[in-house]
Amino acid sequence: MAQANALEPVTISIRAKAGQRDLIDQAAERLGRSRSDFMLEAACRQAEDVLLDQTWFALDADRFAAFQALLDAPPPPTDRLRRTLQAPAPWDSPAPAPASAKRRRP
């Protein structure tokens, strides 16, 4: 099976109750967005939150103590750190909108 290009538009289908659809449509309309754009943005935002909250790593006792010591005594800020903290997150950069998302559905 061939892998799709990461920037190539793909279809995602879901089933919803009429009330859910109407709620989503009302919110999307208030923001001047299509249903697809609104849902995709909301789903991606939630996915980012889940992935950021679920990052897990394991350390033995000695390495954990060293890790805690680093957290307790961070190095002084540098210009490189300041630039990094001011840079937008990768998911904050605008992605090209797929042609199908530009059509507005009732």
PDB file of N, CA and C in Angstrom:
ATOM      1  N   MET A   1       0.843  -1.176   0.000  1.00  0.00           N
ATOM      2  CA  MET A   1       0.000   0.000   0.000  1.00  0.00           C
ATOM      3  C   MET A   1       0.892   1.244   0.000  1.00  0.00           C
ATOM      4  N   ALA A   2       0.675   2.146  -0.914  1.00  0.00           N
ATOM      5  CA  ALA A   2       1.476   3.354  -1.021  1.00  0.00           C
ATOM      6  C   ALA A   2       1.067   4.357   0.049  1.00  0.00           C
ATOM      7  N   GLN A   3       2.075   5.030   0.625  1.00  0.00           N
ATOM      8  CA  GLN A   3       1.780   6.056   1.623  1.00  0.00           C
ATOM      9  C   GLN A   3       1.437   7.361   0.925  1.00  0.00           C
ATOM     10  N   ALA A   4       0.479   8.089   1.492  1.00  0.00           N
ATOM     11  CA  ALA A   4       0.083   9.385   0.944  1.00  0.00           C
ATOM     12  C   ALA A   4       1.095  10.440   1.358  1.00  0.00           C
ATOM     13  N   ASN A   5       1.311  11.400   0.483  1.00  0.00           N
ATOM     14  CA  ASN A   5       2.157  12.548   0.800  1.00  0.00           C
ATOM     15  C   ASN A   5       1.518  13.287   1.974  1.00  0.00           C
ATOM     16  N   ALA A   6       2.330  13.728   2.939  1.00  0.00           N
ATOM     17  CA  ALA A   6       1.804  14.388   4.143  1.00  0.00           C
ATOM     18  C   ALA A   6       0.996  15.640   3.827  1.00  0.00           C
ATOM     19  N   LEU A   7       1.270  16.294   2.698  1.00  0.00           N
ATOM     20  CA  LEU A   7       0.547  17.516   2.346  1.00  0.00           C
ATOM     21  C   LEU A   7      -0.618  17.250   1.398  1.00  0.00           C
ATOM     22  N   GLU A   8      -0.771  16.012   0.982  1.00  0.00           N
ATOM     23  CA  GLU A   8      -1.847  15.660   0.051  1.00  0.00           C
ATOM     24  C   GLU A   8      -3.173  15.570   0.811  1.00  0.00           C
ATOM     25  N   PRO A   9      -4.214  16.232   0.321  1.00  0.00           N
ATOM     26  CA  PRO A   9      -5.510  16.159   1.008  1.00  0.00           C
ATOM     27  C   PRO A   9      -6.064  14.731   1.014  1.00  0.00           C
ATOM     28  N   VAL A  10      -6.644  14.337   2.124  1.00  0.00           N
ATOM     29  CA  VAL A  10      -7.302  13.044   2.261  1.00  0.00           C
ATOM     30  C   VAL A  10      -8.690  13.278   2.841  1.00  0.00           C
ATOM     31  N   THR A  11      -9.556  12.318   2.696  1.00  0.00           N
ATOM     32  CA  THR A  11     -10.913  12.428   3.219  1.00  0.00           C
ATOM     33  C   THR A  11     -11.001  11.744   4.577  1.00  0.00           C
ATOM     34  N   ILE A  12     -11.659  12.419   5.508  1.00  0.00           N
ATOM     35  CA  ILE A  12     -11.957  11.855   6.825  1.00  0.00           C
ATOM     36  C   ILE A  12     -13.474  11.913   6.975  1.00  0.00           C
ATOM     37  N   SER A  13     -14.093  10.769   7.194  1.00  0.00           N
ATOM     38  CA  SER A  13     -15.553  10.726   7.316  1.00  0.00           C
ATOM     39  C   SER A  13     -15.946  10.352   8.745  1.00  0.00           C
ATOM     40  N   ILE A  14     -16.953  11.047   9.277  1.00  0.00           N
ATOM     41  CA  ILE A  14     -17.478  10.710  10.603  1.00  0.00           C
ATOM     42  C   ILE A  14     -19.008  10.786  10.560  1.00  0.00           C
ATOM     43  N   ARG A  15     -19.624  10.090  11.474  1.00  0.00           N
ATOM     44  CA  ARG A  15     -21.075  10.169  11.613  1.00  0.00           C
ATOM     45  C   ARG A  15     -21.377  11.021  12.840  1.00  0.00           C
ATOM     46  N   ALA A  16     -22.408  11.839  12.726  1.00  0.00           N
ATOM     47  CA  ALA A  16     -22.818  12.693  13.837  1.00  0.00           C
ATOM     48  C   ALA A  16     -24.334  12.749  13.887  1.00  0.00           C
ATOM     49  N   LYS A  17     -24.855  13.087  15.039  1.00  0.00           N
ATOM     50  CA  LYS A  17     -26.293  13.309  15.169  1.00  0.00           C
ATOM     51  C   LYS A  17     -26.617  14.685  14.607  1.00  0.00           C
ATOM     52  N   ALA A  18     -27.840  14.870  14.183  1.00  0.00           N
ATOM     53  CA  ALA A  18     -28.247  16.141  13.576  1.00  0.00           C
ATOM     54  C   ALA A  18     -27.987  17.312  14.521  1.00  0.00           C
ATOM     55  N   GLY A  19     -28.230  17.128  15.801  1.00  0.00           N
ATOM     56  CA  GLY A  19     -27.999  18.204  16.766  1.00  0.00           C
ATOM     57  C   GLY A  19     -26.526  18.569  16.872  1.00  0.00           C
ATOM     58  N   GLN A  20     -25.674  17.565  16.803  1.00  0.00           N
ATOM     59  CA  GLN A  20     -24.234  17.828  16.842  1.00  0.00           C
ATOM     60  C   GLN A  20     -23.799  18.605  15.591  1.00  0.00           C
ATOM     61  N   ARG A  21     -24.287  18.152  14.452  1.00  0.00           N
ATOM     62  CA  ARG A  21     -23.955  18.843  13.197  1.00  0.00           C
ATOM     63  C   ARG A  21     -24.419  20.285  13.238  1.00  0.00           C
ATOM     64  N   ASP A  22     -25.636  20.505  13.728  1.00  0.00           N
ATOM     65  CA  ASP A  22     -26.176  21.860  13.791  1.00  0.00           C
ATOM     66  C   ASP A  22     -25.358  22.749  14.723  1.00  0.00           C
ATOM     67  N   LEU A  23     -24.931  22.198  15.845  1.00  0.00           N
ATOM     68  CA  LEU A  23     -24.099  22.942  16.784  1.00  0.00           C
ATOM     69  C   LEU A  23     -22.773  23.334  16.128  1.00  0.00           C
ATOM     70  N   ILE A  24     -22.147  22.381  15.461  1.00  0.00           N
ATOM     71  CA  ILE A  24     -20.873  22.642  14.766  1.00  0.00           C
ATOM     72  C   ILE A  24     -21.076  23.679  13.677  1.00  0.00           C
ATOM     73  N   ASP A  25     -22.139  23.536  12.905  1.00  0.00           N
ATOM     74  CA  ASP A  25     -22.410  24.502  11.835  1.00  0.00           C
ATOM     75  C   ASP A  25     -22.620  25.908  12.382  1.00  0.00           C
ATOM     76  N   GLN A  26     -23.333  26.009  13.495  1.00  0.00           N
ATOM     77  CA  GLN A  26     -23.591  27.325  14.088  1.00  0.00           C
ATOM     78  C   GLN A  26     -22.282  27.968  14.538  1.00  0.00           C
ATOM     79  N   ALA A  27     -21.418  27.200  15.190  1.00  0.00           N
ATOM     80  CA  ALA A  27     -20.133  27.745  15.647  1.00  0.00           C
ATOM     81  C   ALA A  27     -19.244  28.106  14.458  1.00  0.00           C
ATOM     82  N   ALA A  28     -19.202  27.252  13.450  1.00  0.00           N
ATOM     83  CA  ALA A  28     -18.376  27.524  12.259  1.00  0.00           C
ATOM     84  C   ALA A  28     -18.851  28.788  11.557  1.00  0.00           C
ATOM     85  N   GLU A  29     -20.167  28.940  11.448  1.00  0.00           N
ATOM     86  CA  GLU A  29     -20.727  30.118  10.793  1.00  0.00           C
ATOM     87  C   GLU A  29     -20.351  31.393  11.543  1.00  0.00           C
ATOM     88  N   ARG A  30     -20.383  31.334  12.872  1.00  0.00           N
ATOM     89  CA  ARG A  30     -20.022  32.511  13.671  1.00  0.00           C
ATOM     90  C   ARG A  30     -18.588  32.947  13.415  1.00  0.00           C
ATOM     91  N   LEU A  31     -17.731  31.979  13.096  1.00  0.00           N
ATOM     92  CA  LEU A  31     -16.329  32.289  12.830  1.00  0.00           C
ATOM     93  C   LEU A  31     -16.050  32.510  11.347  1.00  0.00           C
ATOM     94  N   GLY A  32     -17.092  32.376  10.519  1.00  0.00           N
ATOM     95  CA  GLY A  32     -16.904  32.541   9.088  1.00  0.00           C
ATOM     96  C   GLY A  32     -16.099  31.413   8.474  1.00  0.00           C
ATOM     97  N   ARG A  33     -16.213  30.225   9.031  1.00  0.00           N
ATOM     98  CA  ARG A  33     -15.443  29.070   8.571  1.00  0.00           C
ATOM     99  C   ARG A  33     -16.386  28.025   8.003  1.00  0.00           C
ATOM    100  N   SER A  34     -15.833  27.148   7.206  1.00  0.00           N
ATOM    101  CA  SER A  34     -16.622  26.011   6.730  1.00  0.00           C
ATOM    102  C   SER A  34     -16.688  24.968   7.851  1.00  0.00           C
ATOM    103  N   ARG A  35     -17.631  24.076   7.749  1.00  0.00           N
ATOM    104  CA  ARG A  35     -17.749  22.997   8.733  1.00  0.00           C
ATOM    105  C   ARG A  35     -16.450  22.189   8.765  1.00  0.00           C
ATOM    106  N   SER A  36     -15.941  21.857   7.597  1.00  0.00           N
ATOM    107  CA  SER A  36     -14.712  21.057   7.531  1.00  0.00           C
ATOM    108  C   SER A  36     -13.542  21.774   8.200  1.00  0.00           C
ATOM    109  N   ASP A  37     -13.347  23.045   7.878  1.00  0.00           N
ATOM    110  CA  ASP A  37     -12.247  23.801   8.484  1.00  0.00           C
ATOM    111  C   ASP A  37     -12.392  23.858   9.996  1.00  0.00           C
ATOM    112  N   PHE A  38     -13.601  24.133  10.460  1.00  0.00           N
ATOM    113  CA  PHE A  38     -13.851  24.237  11.893  1.00  0.00           C
ATOM    114  C   PHE A  38     -13.558  22.920  12.591  1.00  0.00           C
ATOM    115  N   MET A  39     -14.083  21.817  12.047  1.00  0.00           N
ATOM    116  CA  MET A  39     -13.898  20.509  12.673  1.00  0.00           C
ATOM    117  C   MET A  39     -12.447  20.069  12.644  1.00  0.00           C
ATOM    118  N   LEU A  40     -11.774  20.314  11.530  1.00  0.00           N
ATOM    119  CA  LEU A  40     -10.382  19.899  11.421  1.00  0.00           C
ATOM    120  C   LEU A  40      -9.513  20.677  12.411  1.00  0.00           C
ATOM    121  N   GLU A  41      -9.739  21.980  12.531  1.00  0.00           N
ATOM    122  CA  GLU A  41      -8.960  22.780  13.478  1.00  0.00           C
ATOM    123  C   GLU A  41      -9.210  22.315  14.911  1.00  0.00           C
ATOM    124  N   ALA A  42     -10.472  22.073  15.259  1.00  0.00           N
ATOM    125  CA  ALA A  42     -10.800  21.640  16.619  1.00  0.00           C
ATOM    126  C   ALA A  42     -10.193  20.265  16.913  1.00  0.00           C
ATOM    127  N   ALA A  43     -10.274  19.358  15.948  1.00  0.00           N
ATOM    128  CA  ALA A  43      -9.726  18.014  16.150  1.00  0.00           C
ATOM    129  C   ALA A  43      -8.209  18.052  16.270  1.00  0.00           C
ATOM    130  N   CYS A  44      -7.547  18.856  15.451  1.00  0.00           N
ATOM    131  CA  CYS A  44      -6.085  18.962  15.528  1.00  0.00           C
ATOM    132  C   CYS A  44      -5.643  19.582  16.842  1.00  0.00           C
ATOM    133  N   ARG A  45      -6.357  20.600  17.293  1.00  0.00           N
ATOM    134  CA  ARG A  45      -6.021  21.228  18.574  1.00  0.00           C
ATOM    135  C   ARG A  45      -6.137  20.208  19.709  1.00  0.00           C
ATOM    136  N   GLN A  46      -7.195  19.413  19.702  1.00  0.00           N
ATOM    137  CA  GLN A  46      -7.373  18.391  20.734  1.00  0.00           C
ATOM    138  C   GLN A  46      -6.301  17.308  20.618  1.00  0.00           C
ATOM    139  N   ALA A  47      -5.960  16.912  19.396  1.00  0.00           N
ATOM    140  CA  ALA A  47      -4.923  15.899  19.194  1.00  0.00           C
ATOM    141  C   ALA A  47      -3.581  16.384  19.733  1.00  0.00           C
ATOM    142  N   GLU A  48      -3.238  17.646  19.479  1.00  0.00           N
ATOM    143  CA  GLU A  48      -1.990  18.208  20.000  1.00  0.00           C
ATOM    144  C   GLU A  48      -1.980  18.179  21.519  1.00  0.00           C
ATOM    145  N   ASP A  49      -3.094  18.568  22.138  1.00  0.00           N
ATOM    146  CA  ASP A  49      -3.178  18.561  23.600  1.00  0.00           C
ATOM    147  C   ASP A  49      -2.973  17.156  24.157  1.00  0.00           C
ATOM    148  N   VAL A  50      -3.620  16.179  23.544  1.00  0.00           N
ATOM    149  CA  VAL A  50      -3.498  14.797  24.011  1.00  0.00           C
ATOM    150  C   VAL A  50      -2.056  14.327  23.880  1.00  0.00           C
ATOM    151  N   LEU A  51      -1.446  14.557  22.722  1.00  0.00           N
ATOM    152  CA  LEU A  51      -0.083  14.085  22.508  1.00  0.00           C
ATOM    153  C   LEU A  51       0.912  14.784  23.426  1.00  0.00           C
ATOM    154  N   LEU A  52       0.745  16.077  23.642  1.00  0.00           N
ATOM    155  CA  LEU A  52       1.651  16.791  24.531  1.00  0.00           C
ATOM    156  C   LEU A  52       1.489  16.336  25.979  1.00  0.00           C
ATOM    157  N   ASP A  53       0.253  16.007  26.375  1.00  0.00           N
ATOM    158  CA  ASP A  53       0.003  15.564  27.744  1.00  0.00           C
ATOM    159  C   ASP A  53       0.408  14.118  27.979  1.00  0.00           C
ATOM    160  N   GLN A  54       0.551  13.330  26.925  1.00  0.00           N
ATOM    161  CA  GLN A  54       0.812  11.906  27.074  1.00  0.00           C
ATOM    162  C   GLN A  54       2.269  11.520  26.842  1.00  0.00           C
ATOM    163  N   THR A  55       3.152  12.495  26.706  1.00  0.00           N
ATOM    164  CA  THR A  55       4.567  12.169  26.518  1.00  0.00           C
ATOM    165  C   THR A  55       5.092  11.543  27.804  1.00  0.00           C
ATOM    166  N   TRP A  56       5.718  10.383  27.682  1.00  0.00           N
ATOM    167  CA  TRP A  56       6.157   9.638  28.851  1.00  0.00           C
ATOM    168  C   TRP A  56       7.575   9.152  28.604  1.00  0.00           C
ATOM    169  N   PHE A  57       8.404   9.220  29.598  1.00  0.00           N
ATOM    170  CA  PHE A  57       9.731   8.634  29.509  1.00  0.00           C
ATOM    171  C   PHE A  57      10.096   8.078  30.880  1.00  0.00           C
ATOM    172  N   ALA A  58      10.978   7.101  30.888  1.00  0.00           N
ATOM    173  CA  ALA A  58      11.347   6.434  32.141  1.00  0.00           C
ATOM    174  C   ALA A  58      12.831   6.633  32.412  1.00  0.00           C
ATOM    175  N   LEU A  59      13.151   6.817  33.695  1.00  0.00           N
ATOM    176  CA  LEU A  59      14.537   6.976  34.118  1.00  0.00           C
ATOM    177  C   LEU A  59      14.770   6.128  35.358  1.00  0.00           C
ATOM    178  N   ASP A  60      16.000   5.626  35.492  1.00  0.00           N
ATOM    179  CA  ASP A  60      16.333   4.948  36.744  1.00  0.00           C
ATOM    180  C   ASP A  60      16.519   6.019  37.830  1.00  0.00           C
ATOM    181  N   ALA A  61      16.698   5.594  39.066  1.00  0.00           N
ATOM    182  CA  ALA A  61      16.746   6.528  40.198  1.00  0.00           C
ATOM    183  C   ALA A  61      17.874   7.554  40.063  1.00  0.00           C
ATOM    184  N   ASP A  62      19.046   7.125  39.618  1.00  0.00           N
ATOM    185  CA  ASP A  62      20.176   8.059  39.501  1.00  0.00           C
ATOM    186  C   ASP A  62      19.921   9.096  38.411  1.00  0.00           C
ATOM    187  N   ARG A  63      19.447   8.661  37.298  1.00  0.00           N
ATOM    188  CA  ARG A  63      19.176   9.595  36.197  1.00  0.00           C
ATOM    189  C   ARG A  63      18.015  10.535  36.545  1.00  0.00           C
ATOM    190  N   PHE A  64      17.024  10.024  37.284  1.00  0.00           N
ATOM    191  CA  PHE A  64      15.924  10.885  37.695  1.00  0.00           C
ATOM    192  C   PHE A  64      16.423  11.969  38.650  1.00  0.00           C
ATOM    193  N   ALA A  65      17.326  11.619  39.554  1.00  0.00           N
ATOM    194  CA  ALA A  65      17.894  12.603  40.478  1.00  0.00           C
ATOM    195  C   ALA A  65      18.671  13.661  39.694  1.00  0.00           C
ATOM    196  N   ALA A  66      19.434  13.241  38.684  1.00  0.00           N
ATOM    197  CA  ALA A  66      20.179  14.197  37.857  1.00  0.00           C
ATOM    198  C   ALA A  66      19.210  15.091  37.086  1.00  0.00           C
ATOM    199  N   PHE A  67      18.123  14.509  36.582  1.00  0.00           N
ATOM    200  CA  PHE A  67      17.105  15.275  35.862  1.00  0.00           C
ATOM    201  C   PHE A  67      16.485  16.323  36.788  1.00  0.00           C
ATOM    202  N   GLN A  68      16.123  15.935  37.998  1.00  0.00           N
ATOM    203  CA  GLN A  68      15.552  16.870  38.965  1.00  0.00           C
ATOM    204  C   GLN A  68      16.529  17.997  39.289  1.00  0.00           C
ATOM    205  N   ALA A  69      17.814  17.660  39.405  1.00  0.00           N
ATOM    206  CA  ALA A  69      18.824  18.684  39.699  1.00  0.00           C
ATOM    207  C   ALA A  69      18.897  19.694  38.563  1.00  0.00           C
ATOM    208  N   LEU A  70      18.807  19.233  37.325  1.00  0.00           N
ATOM    209  CA  LEU A  70      18.803  20.144  36.179  1.00  0.00           C
ATOM    210  C   LEU A  70      17.576  21.059  36.203  1.00  0.00           C
ATOM    211  N   LEU A  71      16.425  20.503  36.569  1.00  0.00           N
ATOM    212  CA  LEU A  71      15.202  21.312  36.643  1.00  0.00           C
ATOM    213  C   LEU A  71      15.298  22.353  37.758  1.00  0.00           C
ATOM    214  N   ASP A  72      15.937  21.975  38.845  1.00  0.00           N
ATOM    215  CA  ASP A  72      16.057  22.880  39.985  1.00  0.00           C
ATOM    216  C   ASP A  72      17.082  23.995  39.765  1.00  0.00           C
ATOM    217  N   ALA A  73      18.022  23.790  38.854  1.00  0.00           N
ATOM    218  CA  ALA A  73      19.071  24.793  38.608  1.00  0.00           C
ATOM    219  C   ALA A  73      19.251  24.982  37.098  1.00  0.00           C
ATOM    220  N   PRO A  74      18.269  25.571  36.433  1.00  0.00           N
ATOM    221  CA  PRO A  74      18.387  25.732  34.981  1.00  0.00           C
ATOM    222  C   PRO A  74      19.502  26.713  34.618  1.00  0.00           C
ATOM    223  N   PRO A  75      20.090  26.528  33.441  1.00  0.00           N
ATOM    224  CA  PRO A  75      21.128  27.473  33.010  1.00  0.00           C
ATOM    225  C   PRO A  75      20.514  28.838  32.721  1.00  0.00           C
ATOM    226  N   PRO A  76      21.331  29.889  32.713  1.00  0.00           N
ATOM    227  CA  PRO A  76      20.788  31.216  32.411  1.00  0.00           C
ATOM    228  C   PRO A  76      20.314  31.286  30.955  1.00  0.00           C
ATOM    229  N   PRO A  77      19.303  32.120  30.685  1.00  0.00           N
ATOM    230  CA  PRO A  77      18.799  32.226  29.319  1.00  0.00           C
ATOM    231  C   PRO A  77      19.871  32.773  28.375  1.00  0.00           C
ATOM    232  N   THR A  78      19.818  32.296  27.137  1.00  0.00           N
ATOM    233  CA  THR A  78      20.737  32.756  26.089  1.00  0.00           C
ATOM    234  C   THR A  78      19.914  33.341  24.945  1.00  0.00           C
ATOM    235  N   ASP A  79      20.599  33.998  24.020  1.00  0.00           N
ATOM    236  CA  ASP A  79      19.898  34.521  22.843  1.00  0.00           C
ATOM    237  C   ASP A  79      19.243  33.403  22.054  1.00  0.00           C
ATOM    238  N   ARG A  80      19.920  32.271  21.947  1.00  0.00           N
ATOM    239  CA  ARG A  80      19.354  31.129  21.203  1.00  0.00           C
ATOM    240  C   ARG A  80      18.062  30.642  21.868  1.00  0.00           C
ATOM    241  N   LEU A  81      18.065  30.550  23.182  1.00  0.00           N
ATOM    242  CA  LEU A  81      16.864  30.130  23.902  1.00  0.00           C
ATOM    243  C   LEU A  81      15.734  31.130  23.690  1.00  0.00           C
ATOM    244  N   ARG A  82      16.047  32.411  23.773  1.00  0.00           N
ATOM    245  CA  ARG A  82      15.016  33.444  23.566  1.00  0.00           C
ATOM    246  C   ARG A  82      14.406  33.330  22.171  1.00  0.00           C
ATOM    247  N   ARG A  83      15.258  33.114  21.153  1.00  0.00           N
ATOM    248  CA  ARG A  83      14.743  32.960  19.778  1.00  0.00           C
ATOM    249  C   ARG A  83      13.856  31.724  19.674  1.00  0.00           C
ATOM    250  N   THR A  84      14.282  30.640  20.312  1.00  0.00           N
ATOM    251  CA  THR A  84      13.501  29.403  20.264  1.00  0.00           C
ATOM    252  C   THR A  84      12.136  29.603  20.914  1.00  0.00           C
ATOM    253  N   LEU A  85      12.106  30.278  22.047  1.00  0.00           N
ATOM    254  CA  LEU A  85      10.839  30.489  22.748  1.00  0.00           C
ATOM    255  C   LEU A  85       9.912  31.440  21.995  1.00  0.00           C
ATOM    256  N   GLN A  86      10.472  32.293  21.147  1.00  0.00           N
ATOM    257  CA  GLN A  86       9.654  33.226  20.379  1.00  0.00           C
ATOM    258  C   GLN A  86       9.201  32.642  19.037  1.00  0.00           C
ATOM    259  N   ALA A  87       9.789  31.528  18.629  1.00  0.00           N
ATOM    260  CA  ALA A  87       9.437  30.911  17.337  1.00  0.00           C
ATOM    261  C   ALA A  87       8.063  30.255  17.436  1.00  0.00           C
ATOM    262  N   PRO A  88       7.249  30.336  16.380  1.00  0.00           N
ATOM    263  CA  PRO A  88       5.942  29.683  16.413  1.00  0.00           C
ATOM    264  C   PRO A  88       6.080  28.163  16.415  1.00  0.00           C
ATOM    265  N   ALA A  89       5.161  27.504  17.071  1.00  0.00           N
ATOM    266  CA  ALA A  89       5.140  26.037  17.061  1.00  0.00           C
ATOM    267  C   ALA A  89       4.817  25.558  15.646  1.00  0.00           C
ATOM    268  N   PRO A  90       5.287  24.379  15.267  1.00  0.00           N
ATOM    269  CA  PRO A  90       5.035  23.895  13.905  1.00  0.00           C
ATOM    270  C   PRO A  90       3.544  23.850  13.555  1.00  0.00           C
ATOM    271  N   TRP A  91       2.702  23.550  14.530  1.00  0.00           N
ATOM    272  CA  TRP A  91       1.275  23.457  14.244  1.00  0.00           C
ATOM    273  C   TRP A  91       0.600  24.830  14.191  1.00  0.00           C
ATOM    274  N   ASP A  92       1.331  25.883  14.547  1.00  0.00           N
ATOM    275  CA  ASP A  92       0.768  27.219  14.449  1.00  0.00           C
ATOM    276  C   ASP A  92       0.947  27.832  13.064  1.00  0.00           C
ATOM    277  N   SER A  93       1.843  27.245  12.233  1.00  0.00           N
ATOM    278  CA  SER A  93       2.019  27.812  10.894  1.00  0.00           C
ATOM    279  C   SER A  93       0.835  27.428  10.025  1.00  0.00           C
ATOM    280  N   PRO A  94       0.356  28.376   9.236  1.00  0.00           N
ATOM    281  CA  PRO A  94      -0.807  28.089   8.406  1.00  0.00           C
ATOM    282  C   PRO A  94      -0.478  27.044   7.351  1.00  0.00           C
ATOM    283  N   ALA A  95      -1.293  26.017   7.310  1.00  0.00           N
ATOM    284  CA  ALA A  95      -1.143  24.972   6.293  1.00  0.00           C
ATOM    285  C   ALA A  95      -1.998  25.349   5.094  1.00  0.00           C
ATOM    286  N   PRO A  96      -1.572  24.955   3.901  1.00  0.00           N
ATOM    287  CA  PRO A  96      -2.399  25.259   2.734  1.00  0.00           C
ATOM    288  C   PRO A  96      -3.745  24.552   2.847  1.00  0.00           C
ATOM    289  N   ALA A  97      -4.812  25.289   2.616  1.00  0.00           N
ATOM    290  CA  ALA A  97      -6.163  24.716   2.714  1.00  0.00           C
ATOM    291  C   ALA A  97      -6.438  23.860   1.489  1.00  0.00           C
ATOM    292  N   PRO A  98      -6.934  22.625   1.697  1.00  0.00           N
ATOM    293  CA  PRO A  98      -7.282  21.795   0.549  1.00  0.00           C
ATOM    294  C   PRO A  98      -8.451  22.410  -0.216  1.00  0.00           C
ATOM    295  N   ALA A  99      -8.482  22.176  -1.510  1.00  0.00           N
ATOM    296  CA  ALA A  99      -9.522  22.755  -2.368  1.00  0.00           C
ATOM    297  C   ALA A  99     -10.918  22.350  -1.892  1.00  0.00           C
ATOM    298  N   SER A 100     -11.050  21.108  -1.404  1.00  0.00           N
ATOM    299  CA  SER A 100     -12.377  20.643  -0.978  1.00  0.00           C
ATOM    300  C   SER A 100     -12.865  21.380   0.259  1.00  0.00           C
ATOM    301  N   ALA A 101     -11.957  21.888   1.095  1.00  0.00           N
ATOM    302  CA  ALA A 101     -12.367  22.582   2.322  1.00  0.00           C
ATOM    303  C   ALA A 101     -12.886  23.977   2.031  1.00  0.00           C
ATOM    304  N   LYS A 102     -12.609  24.493   0.859  1.00  0.00           N
ATOM    305  CA  LYS A 102     -13.053  25.837   0.529  1.00  0.00           C
ATOM    306  C   LYS A 102     -14.528  25.889   0.141  1.00  0.00           C
ATOM    307  N   ARG A 103     -15.075  24.729  -0.229  1.00  0.00           N
ATOM    308  CA  ARG A 103     -16.501  24.688  -0.559  1.00  0.00           C
ATOM    309  C   ARG A 103     -17.296  24.724   0.738  1.00  0.00           C
ATOM    310  N   ARG A 104     -18.340  25.451   0.758  1.00  0.00           N
ATOM    311  CA  ARG A 104     -19.173  25.580   1.934  1.00  0.00           C
ATOM    312  C   ARG A 104     -20.385  24.669   1.805  1.00  0.00           C
ATOM    313  N   ARG A 105     -20.612  23.881   2.836  1.00  0.00           N
ATOM    314  CA  ARG A 105     -21.766  22.978   2.842  1.00  0.00           C
ATOM    315  C   ARG A 105     -22.829  23.545   3.758  1.00  0.00           C
ATOM    316  N   PRO A 106     -24.077  23.305   3.440  1.00  0.00           N
ATOM    317  CA  PRO A 106     -25.158  23.814   4.312  1.00  0.00           C
ATOM    318  C   PRO A 106     -25.181  23.105   5.640  1.00  0.00           C
TER     319      PRO A 106
END
